[in-house]
């Protein structure tokens, strides 16, 4: 797909993040939108921050800070 097709299909407004277009190929990435269900409390309605606070904070930092910083280092040639 071309960049034009990408836009026409609405990917600019999707959770898929465009990286580059090279040789007729689009490179993109996505991140998880929610925490894994393994972190839910016994009711299954909310996350158990008391039990899983540290791994939840770690995952949030990875998704919101680390991955975007890593992606900035990508160079497609």
C-alpha atoms as a PDB file:
ATOM      1  CA  UNK A   1       0.000   0.000   0.000  1.00  0.00           C
ATOM      2  CA  UNK A   2       1.194   3.498  -0.710  1.00  0.00           C
ATOM      3  CA  UNK A   3       1.136   6.375   1.753  1.00  0.00           C
ATOM      4  CA  UNK A   4      -1.831   7.787  -0.178  1.00  0.00           C
ATOM      5  CA  UNK A   5      -3.731   4.504   0.235  1.00  0.00           C
ATOM      6  CA  UNK A   6      -2.784   4.493   3.921  1.00  0.00           C
ATOM      7  CA  UNK A   7      -4.463   7.865   4.352  1.00  0.00           C
ATOM      8  CA  UNK A   8      -7.490   6.953   2.226  1.00  0.00           C
ATOM      9  CA  UNK A   9      -8.119   3.816   4.286  1.00  0.00           C
ATOM     10  CA  UNK A  10      -8.083   5.929   7.469  1.00  0.00           C
ATOM     11  CA  UNK A  11      -4.931   4.590   9.067  1.00  0.00           C
ATOM     12  CA  UNK A  12      -3.764   8.096  10.005  1.00  0.00           C
ATOM     13  CA  UNK A  13      -6.617   8.127  12.531  1.00  0.00           C
ATOM     14  CA  UNK A  14      -6.010   4.595  13.812  1.00  0.00           C
ATOM     15  CA  UNK A  15      -3.877   3.203  16.628  1.00  0.00           C
ATOM     16  CA  UNK A  16      -1.383   2.020  13.988  1.00  0.00           C
ATOM     17  CA  UNK A  17       1.537   4.474  13.936  1.00  0.00           C
ATOM     18  CA  UNK A  18       3.199   5.159  10.587  1.00  0.00           C
ATOM     19  CA  UNK A  19       6.993   4.891  10.522  1.00  0.00           C
ATOM     20  CA  UNK A  20       8.011   5.024   6.871  1.00  0.00           C
ATOM     21  CA  UNK A  21       7.282   3.961   3.327  1.00  0.00           C
ATOM     22  CA  UNK A  22      10.049   2.208   1.421  1.00  0.00           C
ATOM     23  CA  UNK A  23       9.912   0.346  -1.879  1.00  0.00           C
ATOM     24  CA  UNK A  24       6.117   0.266  -1.874  1.00  0.00           C
ATOM     25  CA  UNK A  25       5.850  -1.038   1.677  1.00  0.00           C
ATOM     26  CA  UNK A  26       4.504   0.725   4.715  1.00  0.00           C
ATOM     27  CA  UNK A  27       6.241   0.226   8.049  1.00  0.00           C
ATOM     28  CA  UNK A  28       4.178   0.865  11.147  1.00  0.00           C
ATOM     29  CA  UNK A  29       3.681  -0.301  14.706  1.00  0.00           C
ATOM     30  CA  UNK A  30       0.961  -0.588  17.313  1.00  0.00           C
ATOM     31  CA  UNK A  31       0.983  -0.603  21.067  1.00  0.00           C
ATOM     32  CA  UNK A  32      -1.384  -2.391  23.426  1.00  0.00           C
ATOM     33  CA  UNK A  33      -4.414  -0.321  24.322  1.00  0.00           C
ATOM     34  CA  UNK A  34      -5.075  -2.010  27.637  1.00  0.00           C
ATOM     35  CA  UNK A  35      -3.202  -3.829  30.338  1.00  0.00           C
ATOM     36  CA  UNK A  36      -3.260  -7.649  30.209  1.00  0.00           C
ATOM     37  CA  UNK A  37      -6.236  -9.275  31.877  1.00  0.00           C
ATOM     38  CA  UNK A  38      -3.777 -11.068  34.178  1.00  0.00           C
ATOM     39  CA  UNK A  39      -3.654  -7.824  36.173  1.00  0.00           C
ATOM     40  CA  UNK A  40      -7.392  -7.749  36.887  1.00  0.00           C
ATOM     41  CA  UNK A  41      -8.639  -8.134  40.425  1.00  0.00           C
ATOM     42  CA  UNK A  42     -10.784 -11.104  41.468  1.00  0.00           C
ATOM     43  CA  UNK A  43     -13.982  -9.381  40.330  1.00  0.00           C
ATOM     44  CA  UNK A  44     -12.509  -8.930  36.852  1.00  0.00           C
ATOM     45  CA  UNK A  45     -13.855  -5.377  36.745  1.00  0.00           C
ATOM     46  CA  UNK A  46     -10.732  -3.368  37.624  1.00  0.00           C
ATOM     47  CA  UNK A  47      -6.988  -3.734  37.771  1.00  0.00           C
ATOM     48  CA  UNK A  48      -5.426  -4.854  41.042  1.00  0.00           C
ATOM     49  CA  UNK A  49      -3.070  -1.916  41.567  1.00  0.00           C
ATOM     50  CA  UNK A  50      -2.270  -3.028  45.094  1.00  0.00           C
ATOM     51  CA  UNK A  51      -0.991  -6.415  43.964  1.00  0.00           C
ATOM     52  CA  UNK A  52       0.383  -5.456  40.527  1.00  0.00           C
ATOM     53  CA  UNK A  53       1.268  -1.786  40.980  1.00  0.00           C
ATOM     54  CA  UNK A  54       4.943  -2.110  40.099  1.00  0.00           C
ATOM     55  CA  UNK A  55       4.521  -4.190  36.901  1.00  0.00           C
ATOM     56  CA  UNK A  56       1.618  -1.968  35.822  1.00  0.00           C
ATOM     57  CA  UNK A  57       3.768   1.158  36.224  1.00  0.00           C
ATOM     58  CA  UNK A  58       6.598  -0.548  34.337  1.00  0.00           C
ATOM     59  CA  UNK A  59       4.343  -1.522  31.428  1.00  0.00           C
ATOM     60  CA  UNK A  60       2.810   1.949  31.255  1.00  0.00           C
ATOM     61  CA  UNK A  61       6.276   3.533  31.159  1.00  0.00           C
ATOM     62  CA  UNK A  62       7.401   1.121  28.457  1.00  0.00           C
ATOM     63  CA  UNK A  63       4.353   1.859  26.286  1.00  0.00           C
ATOM     64  CA  UNK A  64       4.201   5.615  26.851  1.00  0.00           C
ATOM     65  CA  UNK A  65       7.898   6.529  27.066  1.00  0.00           C
ATOM     66  CA  UNK A  66      10.316   3.757  26.141  1.00  0.00           C
ATOM     67  CA  UNK A  67       8.744   2.535  22.893  1.00  0.00           C
ATOM     68  CA  UNK A  68       8.300   6.029  21.405  1.00  0.00           C
ATOM     69  CA  UNK A  69      11.939   6.823  22.239  1.00  0.00           C
ATOM     70  CA  UNK A  70      13.150   3.558  20.711  1.00  0.00           C
ATOM     71  CA  UNK A  71      11.072   4.070  17.558  1.00  0.00           C
ATOM     72  CA  UNK A  72      12.705   7.484  17.056  1.00  0.00           C
ATOM     73  CA  UNK A  73      16.030   5.673  16.585  1.00  0.00           C
ATOM     74  CA  UNK A  74      14.771   3.544  13.656  1.00  0.00           C
ATOM     75  CA  UNK A  75      16.275   4.340  10.285  1.00  0.00           C
ATOM     76  CA  UNK A  76      14.874   2.579   7.240  1.00  0.00           C
ATOM     77  CA  UNK A  77      17.020   2.727   4.161  1.00  0.00           C
END
